[in-house]
Amino acid sequence: RRWWLIALLLVVALVGAACGDDDDDDAAGQDDGTE
């Protein structure tokens, strides 16, 4: 059960980090010519 909880927390952390990167990219305008 402990290892299952640790794995779940790691997945949540990775998803959160990815969303945070997207937000940062949006805030920076992404420099891709679309905005």
Full PDB file with SEQRES, HELIX, SHEET, SSBOND, CRYST1, ORIGX, SCALE, CONECT and MASTER records, all heavy atoms in Angstrom:
SEQRES   1 A   35  ARG ARG TRP TRP LEU ILE ALA LEU LEU LEU VAL VAL ALA          
SEQRES   2 A   35  LEU VAL GLY ALA ALA CYS GLY ASP ASP ASP ASP ASP ASP          
SEQRES   3 A   35  ALA ALA GLY GLN ASP ASP GLY THR GLU                          
HELIX    1 AA1 ARG A    2  ALA A   28  1                                  27    
CRYST1    1.000    1.000    1.000  90.00  90.00  90.00 P 1           1          
ORIGX1      1.000000  0.000000  0.000000        0.00000                         
ORIGX2      0.000000  1.000000  0.000000        0.00000                         
ORIGX3      0.000000  0.000000  1.000000        0.00000                         
SCALE1      1.000000  0.000000  0.000000        0.00000                         
SCALE2      0.000000  1.000000  0.000000        0.00000                         
SCALE3      0.000000  0.000000  1.000000        0.00000                         
ATOM      1  N   ARG A   1       0.835  -1.203   0.000  1.00  0.00           N  
ATOM      2  CA  ARG A   1       0.000   0.000   0.000  1.00  0.00           C  
ATOM      3  C   ARG A   1       0.871   1.255   0.000  1.00  0.00           C  
ATOM      4  O   ARG A   1       0.565   2.236  -0.659  1.00  0.00           O  
ATOM      5  CB  ARG A   1      -0.920  -0.009   1.219  1.00  0.00           C  
ATOM      6  CG  ARG A   1      -1.817   1.214   1.288  1.00  0.00           C  
ATOM      7  CD  ARG A   1      -2.719   1.165   2.503  1.00  0.00           C  
ATOM      8  NE  ARG A   1      -3.617   0.007   2.418  1.00  0.00           N  
ATOM      9  CZ  ARG A   1      -4.489  -0.313   3.391  1.00  0.00           C  
ATOM     10  NH1 ARG A   1      -4.549   0.418   4.501  1.00  0.00           N  
ATOM     11  NH2 ARG A   1      -5.280  -1.360   3.256  1.00  0.00           N  
ATOM     12  N   ARG A   2       1.991   1.224   0.777  1.00  0.00           N  
ATOM     13  CA  ARG A   2       2.866   2.405   0.834  1.00  0.00           C  
ATOM     14  C   ARG A   2       3.451   2.698  -0.535  1.00  0.00           C  
ATOM     15  O   ARG A   2       3.507   3.842  -0.962  1.00  0.00           O  
ATOM     16  CB  ARG A   2       3.963   2.155   1.858  1.00  0.00           C  
ATOM     17  CG  ARG A   2       4.900   3.356   2.040  1.00  0.00           C  
ATOM     18  CD  ARG A   2       6.009   3.055   3.013  1.00  0.00           C  
ATOM     19  NE  ARG A   2       5.458   2.646   4.319  1.00  0.00           N  
ATOM     20  CZ  ARG A   2       6.168   2.045   5.272  1.00  0.00           C  
ATOM     21  NH1 ARG A   2       7.447   1.735   5.058  1.00  0.00           N  
ATOM     22  NH2 ARG A   2       5.615   1.735   6.430  1.00  0.00           N  
ATOM     23  N   TRP A   3       3.936   1.660  -1.204  1.00  0.00           N  
ATOM     24  CA  TRP A   3       4.530   1.881  -2.548  1.00  0.00           C  
ATOM     25  C   TRP A   3       3.473   2.375  -3.547  1.00  0.00           C  
ATOM     26  O   TRP A   3       3.747   3.194  -4.410  1.00  0.00           O  
ATOM     27  CB  TRP A   3       5.167   0.572  -3.071  1.00  0.00           C  
ATOM     28  CG  TRP A   3       6.499   0.306  -2.438  1.00  0.00           C  
ATOM     29  CD1 TRP A   3       6.833  -0.675  -1.571  1.00  0.00           C  
ATOM     30  CD2 TRP A   3       7.673   1.088  -2.644  1.00  0.00           C  
ATOM     31  NE1 TRP A   3       8.144  -0.583  -1.187  1.00  0.00           N  
ATOM     32  CE2 TRP A   3       8.693   0.505  -1.851  1.00  0.00           C  
ATOM     33  CE3 TRP A   3       7.973   2.202  -3.414  1.00  0.00           C  
ATOM     34  CZ2 TRP A   3       9.982   1.012  -1.820  1.00  0.00           C  
ATOM     35  CZ3 TRP A   3       9.254   2.701  -3.377  1.00  0.00           C  
ATOM     36  CH2 TRP A   3      10.253   2.123  -2.590  1.00  0.00           C  
ATOM     37  N   TRP A   4       2.249   1.898  -3.392  1.00  0.00           N  
ATOM     38  CA  TRP A   4       1.156   2.345  -4.277  1.00  0.00           C  
ATOM     39  C   TRP A   4       0.868   3.834  -4.080  1.00  0.00           C  
ATOM     40  O   TRP A   4       0.681   4.585  -5.021  1.00  0.00           O  
ATOM     41  CB  TRP A   4      -0.096   1.525  -3.966  1.00  0.00           C  
ATOM     42  CG  TRP A   4      -1.246   1.900  -4.851  1.00  0.00           C  
ATOM     43  CD1 TRP A   4      -1.515   1.455  -6.084  1.00  0.00           C  
ATOM     44  CD2 TRP A   4      -2.297   2.810  -4.513  1.00  0.00           C  
ATOM     45  NE1 TRP A   4      -2.656   2.009  -6.592  1.00  0.00           N  
ATOM     46  CE2 TRP A   4      -3.159   2.858  -5.642  1.00  0.00           C  
ATOM     47  CE3 TRP A   4      -2.590   3.568  -3.388  1.00  0.00           C  
ATOM     48  CZ2 TRP A   4      -4.292   3.652  -5.649  1.00  0.00           C  
ATOM     49  CZ3 TRP A   4      -3.719   4.348  -3.406  1.00  0.00           C  
ATOM     50  CH2 TRP A   4      -4.553   4.402  -4.531  1.00  0.00           C  
ATOM     51  N   LEU A   5       0.908   4.266  -2.823  1.00  0.00           N  
ATOM     52  CA  LEU A   5       0.682   5.679  -2.540  1.00  0.00           C  
ATOM     53  C   LEU A   5       1.813   6.550  -3.088  1.00  0.00           C  
ATOM     54  O   LEU A   5       1.598   7.639  -3.625  1.00  0.00           O  
ATOM     55  CB  LEU A   5       0.533   5.901  -1.020  1.00  0.00           C  
ATOM     56  CG  LEU A   5      -0.760   5.391  -0.395  1.00  0.00           C  
ATOM     57  CD1 LEU A   5      -0.689   5.480   1.124  1.00  0.00           C  
ATOM     58  CD2 LEU A   5      -1.932   6.210  -0.906  1.00  0.00           C  
ATOM     59  N   ILE A   6       3.030   6.060  -2.930  1.00  0.00           N  
ATOM     60  CA  ILE A   6       4.185   6.809  -3.440  1.00  0.00           C  
ATOM     61  C   ILE A   6       4.105   6.956  -4.951  1.00  0.00           C  
ATOM     62  O   ILE A   6       4.333   8.034  -5.528  1.00  0.00           O  
ATOM     63  CB  ILE A   6       5.500   6.114  -3.039  1.00  0.00           C  
ATOM     64  CG1 ILE A   6       5.698   6.226  -1.508  1.00  0.00           C  
ATOM     65  CG2 ILE A   6       6.696   6.733  -3.782  1.00  0.00           C  
ATOM     66  CD1 ILE A   6       6.871   5.414  -0.986  1.00  0.00           C  
ATOM     67  N   ALA A   7       3.749   5.868  -5.647  1.00  0.00           N  
ATOM     68  CA  ALA A   7       3.633   5.923  -7.111  1.00  0.00           C  
ATOM     69  C   ALA A   7       2.547   6.894  -7.541  1.00  0.00           C  
ATOM     70  O   ALA A   7       2.698   7.663  -8.506  1.00  0.00           O  
ATOM     71  CB  ALA A   7       3.325   4.515  -7.655  1.00  0.00           C  
ATOM     72  N   LEU A   8       1.417   6.883  -6.807  1.00  0.00           N  
ATOM     73  CA  LEU A   8       0.320   7.796  -7.148  1.00  0.00           C  
ATOM     74  C   LEU A   8       0.749   9.247  -6.981  1.00  0.00           C  
ATOM     75  O   LEU A   8       0.455  10.107  -7.822  1.00  0.00           O  
ATOM     76  CB  LEU A   8      -0.889   7.490  -6.249  1.00  0.00           C  
ATOM     77  CG  LEU A   8      -2.120   8.381  -6.443  1.00  0.00           C  
ATOM     78  CD1 LEU A   8      -2.643   8.219  -7.866  1.00  0.00           C  
ATOM     79  CD2 LEU A   8      -3.214   8.014  -5.434  1.00  0.00           C  
ATOM     80  N   LEU A   9       1.467   9.545  -5.912  1.00  0.00           N  
ATOM     81  CA  LEU A   9       1.937  10.906  -5.680  1.00  0.00           C  
ATOM     82  C   LEU A   9       2.907  11.355  -6.766  1.00  0.00           C  
ATOM     83  O   LEU A   9       2.900  12.520  -7.195  1.00  0.00           O  
ATOM     84  CB  LEU A   9       2.601  11.014  -4.299  1.00  0.00           C  
ATOM     85  CG  LEU A   9       1.650  10.909  -3.094  1.00  0.00           C  
ATOM     86  CD1 LEU A   9       2.436  10.812  -1.790  1.00  0.00           C  
ATOM     87  CD2 LEU A   9       0.714  12.111  -3.062  1.00  0.00           C  
ATOM     88  N   LEU A  10       3.768  10.446  -7.211  1.00  0.00           N  
ATOM     89  CA  LEU A  10       4.711  10.773  -8.284  1.00  0.00           C  
ATOM     90  C   LEU A  10       3.981  11.108  -9.584  1.00  0.00           C  
ATOM     91  O   LEU A  10       4.334  12.055 -10.302  1.00  0.00           O  
ATOM     92  CB  LEU A  10       5.679   9.593  -8.512  1.00  0.00           C  
ATOM     93  CG  LEU A  10       6.772   9.411  -7.461  1.00  0.00           C  
ATOM     94  CD1 LEU A  10       7.527   8.103  -7.697  1.00  0.00           C  
ATOM     95  CD2 LEU A  10       7.747  10.590  -7.518  1.00  0.00           C  
ATOM     96  N   VAL A  11       2.943  10.359  -9.905  1.00  0.00           N  
ATOM     97  CA  VAL A  11       2.166  10.619 -11.123  1.00  0.00           C  
ATOM     98  C   VAL A  11       1.505  11.988 -11.041  1.00  0.00           C  
ATOM     99  O   VAL A  11       1.532  12.779 -11.984  1.00  0.00           O  
ATOM    100  CB  VAL A  11       1.105   9.522 -11.342  1.00  0.00           C  
ATOM    101  CG1 VAL A  11       0.140   9.929 -12.461  1.00  0.00           C  
ATOM    102  CG2 VAL A  11       1.779   8.207 -11.669  1.00  0.00           C  
ATOM    103  N   VAL A  12       0.895  12.302  -9.898  1.00  0.00           N  
ATOM    104  CA  VAL A  12       0.242  13.594  -9.721  1.00  0.00           C  
ATOM    105  C   VAL A  12       1.245  14.721  -9.865  1.00  0.00           C  
ATOM    106  O   VAL A  12       0.981  15.750 -10.487  1.00  0.00           O  
ATOM    107  CB  VAL A  12      -0.460  13.655  -8.343  1.00  0.00           C  
ATOM    108  CG1 VAL A  12      -0.941  15.068  -8.047  1.00  0.00           C  
ATOM    109  CG2 VAL A  12      -1.606  12.666  -8.297  1.00  0.00           C  
ATOM    110  N   ALA A  13       2.440  14.532  -9.276  1.00  0.00           N  
ATOM    111  CA  ALA A  13       3.470  15.574  -9.344  1.00  0.00           C  
ATOM    112  C   ALA A  13       3.919  15.811 -10.775  1.00  0.00           C  
ATOM    113  O   ALA A  13       4.112  16.955 -11.211  1.00  0.00           O  
ATOM    114  CB  ALA A  13       4.661  15.183  -8.465  1.00  0.00           C  
ATOM    115  N   LEU A  14       4.094  14.724 -11.538  1.00  0.00           N  
ATOM    116  CA  LEU A  14       4.540  14.864 -12.935  1.00  0.00           C  
ATOM    117  C   LEU A  14       3.490  15.564 -13.781  1.00  0.00           C  
ATOM    118  O   LEU A  14       3.795  16.417 -14.618  1.00  0.00           O  
ATOM    119  CB  LEU A  14       4.860  13.477 -13.515  1.00  0.00           C  
ATOM    120  CG  LEU A  14       6.127  12.800 -12.972  1.00  0.00           C  
ATOM    121  CD1 LEU A  14       6.220  11.361 -13.471  1.00  0.00           C  
ATOM    122  CD2 LEU A  14       7.371  13.594 -13.420  1.00  0.00           C  
ATOM    123  N   VAL A  15       2.218  15.211 -13.587  1.00  0.00           N  
ATOM    124  CA  VAL A  15       1.145  15.855 -14.343  1.00  0.00           C  
ATOM    125  C   VAL A  15       1.080  17.330 -14.002  1.00  0.00           C  
ATOM    126  O   VAL A  15       0.940  18.197 -14.867  1.00  0.00           O  
ATOM    127  CB  VAL A  15      -0.207  15.167 -14.059  1.00  0.00           C  
ATOM    128  CG1 VAL A  15      -1.352  15.975 -14.674  1.00  0.00           C  
ATOM    129  CG2 VAL A  15      -0.202  13.753 -14.597  1.00  0.00           C  
ATOM    130  N   GLY A  16       1.198  17.645 -12.714  1.00  0.00           N  
ATOM    131  CA  GLY A  16       1.170  19.038 -12.299  1.00  0.00           C  
ATOM    132  C   GLY A  16       2.309  19.836 -12.899  1.00  0.00           C  
ATOM    133  O   GLY A  16       2.146  20.987 -13.315  1.00  0.00           O  
ATOM    134  N   ALA A  17       3.494  19.235 -12.946  1.00  0.00           N  
ATOM    135  CA  ALA A  17       4.653  19.923 -13.519  1.00  0.00           C  
ATOM    136  C   ALA A  17       4.448  20.193 -14.992  1.00  0.00           C  
ATOM    137  O   ALA A  17       4.800  21.264 -15.512  1.00  0.00           O  
ATOM    138  CB  ALA A  17       5.915  19.075 -13.294  1.00  0.00           C  
ATOM    139  N   ALA A  18       3.876  19.194 -15.701  1.00  0.00           N  
ATOM    140  CA  ALA A  18       3.634  19.383 -17.129  1.00  0.00           C  
ATOM    141  C   ALA A  18       2.657  20.513 -17.365  1.00  0.00           C  
ATOM    142  O   ALA A  18       2.828  21.352 -18.251  1.00  0.00           O  
ATOM    143  CB  ALA A  18       3.106  18.081 -17.743  1.00  0.00           C  
ATOM    144  N   CYS A  19       1.563  20.556 -16.552  1.00  0.00           N  
ATOM    145  CA  CYS A  19       0.588  21.640 -16.697  1.00  0.00           C  
ATOM    146  C   CYS A  19       1.218  22.981 -16.377  1.00  0.00           C  
ATOM    147  O   CYS A  19       0.936  23.990 -17.020  1.00  0.00           O  
ATOM    148  CB  CYS A  19      -0.611  21.406 -15.773  1.00  0.00           C  
ATOM    149  SG  CYS A  19      -1.607  19.977 -16.242  1.00  0.00           S  
ATOM    150  N   GLY A  20       2.100  22.958 -15.357  1.00  0.00           N  
ATOM    151  CA  GLY A  20       2.780  24.206 -15.012  1.00  0.00           C  
ATOM    152  C   GLY A  20       3.644  24.687 -16.143  1.00  0.00           C  
ATOM    153  O   GLY A  20       3.698  25.890 -16.435  1.00  0.00           O  
ATOM    154  N   ASP A  21       4.327  23.773 -16.855  1.00  0.00           N  
ATOM    155  CA  ASP A  21       5.152  24.164 -18.003  1.00  0.00           C  
ATOM    156  C   ASP A  21       4.298  24.781 -19.086  1.00  0.00           C  
ATOM    157  O   ASP A  21       4.676  25.771 -19.721  1.00  0.00           O  
ATOM    158  CB  ASP A  21       5.899  22.931 -18.558  1.00  0.00           C  
ATOM    159  CG  ASP A  21       7.028  22.485 -17.617  1.00  0.00           C  
ATOM    160  OD1 ASP A  21       7.406  23.305 -16.741  1.00  0.00           O  
ATOM    161  OD2 ASP A  21       7.486  21.339 -17.755  1.00  0.00           O  
ATOM    162  N   ASP A  22       3.078  24.191 -19.320  1.00  0.00           N  
ATOM    163  CA  ASP A  22       2.199  24.741 -20.343  1.00  0.00           C  
ATOM    164  C   ASP A  22       1.786  26.148 -19.986  1.00  0.00           C  
ATOM    165  O   ASP A  22       1.730  27.034 -20.831  1.00  0.00           O  
ATOM    166  CB  ASP A  22       0.953  23.854 -20.503  1.00  0.00           C  
ATOM    167  CG  ASP A  22       1.299  22.526 -21.171  1.00  0.00           C  
ATOM    168  OD1 ASP A  22       2.391  22.462 -21.791  1.00  0.00           O  
ATOM    169  OD2 ASP A  22       0.492  21.587 -21.060  1.00  0.00           O  
ATOM    170  N   ASP A  23       1.470  26.353 -18.692  1.00  0.00           N  
ATOM    171  CA  ASP A  23       1.050  27.678 -18.259  1.00  0.00           C  
ATOM    172  C   ASP A  23       2.160  28.681 -18.453  1.00  0.00           C  
ATOM    173  O   ASP A  23       1.938  29.811 -18.877  1.00  0.00           O  
ATOM    174  CB  ASP A  23       0.632  27.652 -16.778  1.00  0.00           C  
ATOM    175  CG  ASP A  23      -0.661  26.859 -16.562  1.00  0.00           C  
ATOM    176  OD1 ASP A  23      -1.364  26.669 -17.563  1.00  0.00           O  
ATOM    177  OD2 ASP A  23      -0.930  26.458 -15.408  1.00  0.00           O  
ATOM    178  N   ASP A  24       3.407  28.252 -18.139  1.00  0.00           N  
ATOM    179  CA  ASP A  24       4.536  29.162 -18.310  1.00  0.00           C  
ATOM    180  C   ASP A  24       4.724  29.513 -19.762  1.00  0.00           C  
ATOM    181  O   ASP A  24       5.021  30.661 -20.112  1.00  0.00           O  
ATOM    182  CB  ASP A  24       5.824  28.517 -17.757  1.00  0.00           C  
ATOM    183  CG  ASP A  24       5.791  28.419 -16.224  1.00  0.00           C  
ATOM    184  OD1 ASP A  24       4.975  29.137 -15.619  1.00  0.00           O  
ATOM    185  OD2 ASP A  24       6.578  27.620 -15.670  1.00  0.00           O  
ATOM    186  N   ASP A  25       4.551  28.490 -20.641  1.00  0.00           N  
ATOM    187  CA  ASP A  25       4.702  28.741 -22.076  1.00  0.00           C  
ATOM    188  C   ASP A  25       3.656  29.726 -22.545  1.00  0.00           C  
ATOM    189  O   ASP A  25       3.938  30.630 -23.338  1.00  0.00           O  
ATOM    190  CB  ASP A  25       4.570  27.430 -22.874  1.00  0.00           C  
ATOM    191  CG  ASP A  25       5.819  26.558 -22.708  1.00  0.00           C  
ATOM    192  OD1 ASP A  25       6.863  27.116 -22.275  1.00  0.00           O  
ATOM    193  OD2 ASP A  25       5.729  25.346 -23.006  1.00  0.00           O  
ATOM    194  N   ASP A  26       2.401  29.551 -22.075  1.00  0.00           N  
ATOM    195  CA  ASP A  26       1.342  30.464 -22.485  1.00  0.00           C  
ATOM    196  C   ASP A  26       1.632  31.872 -22.018  1.00  0.00           C  
ATOM    197  O   ASP A  26       1.415  32.843 -22.743  1.00  0.00           O  
ATOM    198  CB  ASP A  26      -0.011  30.002 -21.923  1.00  0.00           C  
ATOM    199  CG  ASP A  26      -0.497  28.729 -22.590  1.00  0.00           C  
ATOM    200  OD1 ASP A  26       0.028  28.432 -23.687  1.00  0.00           O  
ATOM    201  OD2 ASP A  26      -1.375  28.044 -22.023  1.00  0.00           O  
ATOM    202  N   ALA A  27       2.097  31.999 -20.781  1.00  0.00           N  
ATOM    203  CA  ALA A  27       2.368  33.334 -20.248  1.00  0.00           C  
ATOM    204  C   ALA A  27       3.475  34.009 -21.008  1.00  0.00           C  
ATOM    205  O   ALA A  27       3.502  35.228 -21.168  1.00  0.00           O  
ATOM    206  CB  ALA A  27       2.730  33.230 -18.761  1.00  0.00           C  
ATOM    207  N   ALA A  28       4.440  33.220 -21.481  1.00  0.00           N  
ATOM    208  CA  ALA A  28       5.570  33.793 -22.210  1.00  0.00           C  
ATOM    209  C   ALA A  28       5.261  34.048 -23.655  1.00  0.00           C  
ATOM    210  O   ALA A  28       6.068  34.611 -24.385  1.00  0.00           O  
ATOM    211  CB  ALA A  28       6.777  32.845 -22.108  1.00  0.00           C  
ATOM    212  N   GLY A  29       4.086  33.609 -24.135  1.00  0.00           N  
ATOM    213  CA  GLY A  29       3.720  33.841 -25.532  1.00  0.00           C  
ATOM    214  C   GLY A  29       4.283  32.801 -26.464  1.00  0.00           C  
ATOM    215  O   GLY A  29       4.006  32.789 -27.643  1.00  0.00           O  
ATOM    216  N   GLN A  30       5.144  31.862 -25.972  1.00  0.00           N  
ATOM    217  CA  GLN A  30       5.667  30.711 -26.696  1.00  0.00           C  
ATOM    218  C   GLN A  30       6.549  31.071 -27.880  1.00  0.00           C  
ATOM    219  O   GLN A  30       7.177  30.221 -28.442  1.00  0.00           O  
ATOM    220  CB  GLN A  30       4.533  29.797 -27.170  1.00  0.00           C  
ATOM    221  CG  GLN A  30       3.754  29.193 -26.006  1.00  0.00           C  
ATOM    222  CD  GLN A  30       2.786  28.136 -26.461  1.00  0.00           C  
ATOM    223  OE1 GLN A  30       2.974  27.523 -27.501  1.00  0.00           O  
ATOM    224  NE2 GLN A  30       1.748  27.916 -25.691  1.00  0.00           N  
ATOM    225  N   ASP A  31       6.597  32.324 -28.317  1.00  0.00           N  
ATOM    226  CA  ASP A  31       7.472  32.736 -29.418  1.00  0.00           C  
ATOM    227  C   ASP A  31       7.313  31.855 -30.636  1.00  0.00           C  
ATOM    228  O   ASP A  31       8.276  31.579 -31.348  1.00  0.00           O  
ATOM    229  CB  ASP A  31       8.944  32.713 -28.993  1.00  0.00           C  
ATOM    230  CG  ASP A  31       9.301  33.919 -28.152  1.00  0.00           C  
ATOM    231  OD1 ASP A  31       8.588  34.950 -28.256  1.00  0.00           O  
ATOM    232  OD2 ASP A  31      10.270  33.831 -27.409  1.00  0.00           O  
ATOM    233  N   ASP A  32       6.123  31.347 -30.885  1.00  0.00           N  
ATOM    234  CA  ASP A  32       5.921  30.477 -32.044  1.00  0.00           C  
ATOM    235  C   ASP A  32       5.192  31.188 -33.165  1.00  0.00           C  
ATOM    236  O   ASP A  32       4.813  30.577 -34.154  1.00  0.00           O  
ATOM    237  CB  ASP A  32       5.155  29.215 -31.626  1.00  0.00           C  
ATOM    238  CG  ASP A  32       3.770  29.541 -31.077  1.00  0.00           C  
ATOM    239  OD1 ASP A  32       3.425  30.743 -31.005  1.00  0.00           O  
ATOM    240  OD2 ASP A  32       3.042  28.591 -30.727  1.00  0.00           O  
ATOM    241  N   GLY A  33       4.982  32.503 -33.016  1.00  0.00           N  
ATOM    242  CA  GLY A  33       4.355  33.275 -34.086  1.00  0.00           C  
ATOM    243  C   GLY A  33       2.848  33.191 -34.096  1.00  0.00           C  
ATOM    244  O   GLY A  33       2.208  33.776 -34.961  1.00  0.00           O  
ATOM    245  N   THR A  34       2.274  32.459 -33.114  1.00  0.00           N  
ATOM    246  CA  THR A  34       0.826  32.292 -33.145  1.00  0.00           C  
ATOM    247  C   THR A  34       0.107  33.393 -32.375  1.00  0.00           C  
ATOM    248  O   THR A  34      -1.091  33.527 -32.482  1.00  0.00           O  
ATOM    249  CB  THR A  34       0.435  30.930 -32.549  1.00  0.00           C  
ATOM    250  OG1 THR A  34       0.897  30.863 -31.184  1.00  0.00           O  
ATOM    251  CG2 THR A  34       1.055  29.803 -33.347  1.00  0.00           C  
ATOM    252  N   GLU A  35       0.836  34.182 -31.552  1.00  0.00           N  
ATOM    253  CA  GLU A  35       0.216  35.228 -30.769  1.00  0.00           C  
ATOM    254  C   GLU A  35       0.927  36.549 -31.026  1.00  0.00           C  
ATOM    255  O   GLU A  35       2.141  36.591 -31.132  1.00  0.00           O  
ATOM    256  CB  GLU A  35       0.269  34.898 -29.276  1.00  0.00           C  
ATOM    257  CG  GLU A  35      -0.524  33.652 -28.909  1.00  0.00           C  
ATOM    258  CD  GLU A  35      -0.524  33.392 -27.420  1.00  0.00           C  
ATOM    259  OE1 GLU A  35      -0.052  34.261 -26.671  1.00  0.00           O  
ATOM    260  OE2 GLU A  35      -0.999  32.323 -27.016  1.00  0.00           O  
TER     261      GLU A  35                                                      
MASTER        0    0    0    1    0    0    0    6  260    1    0    3          
END                                                                             
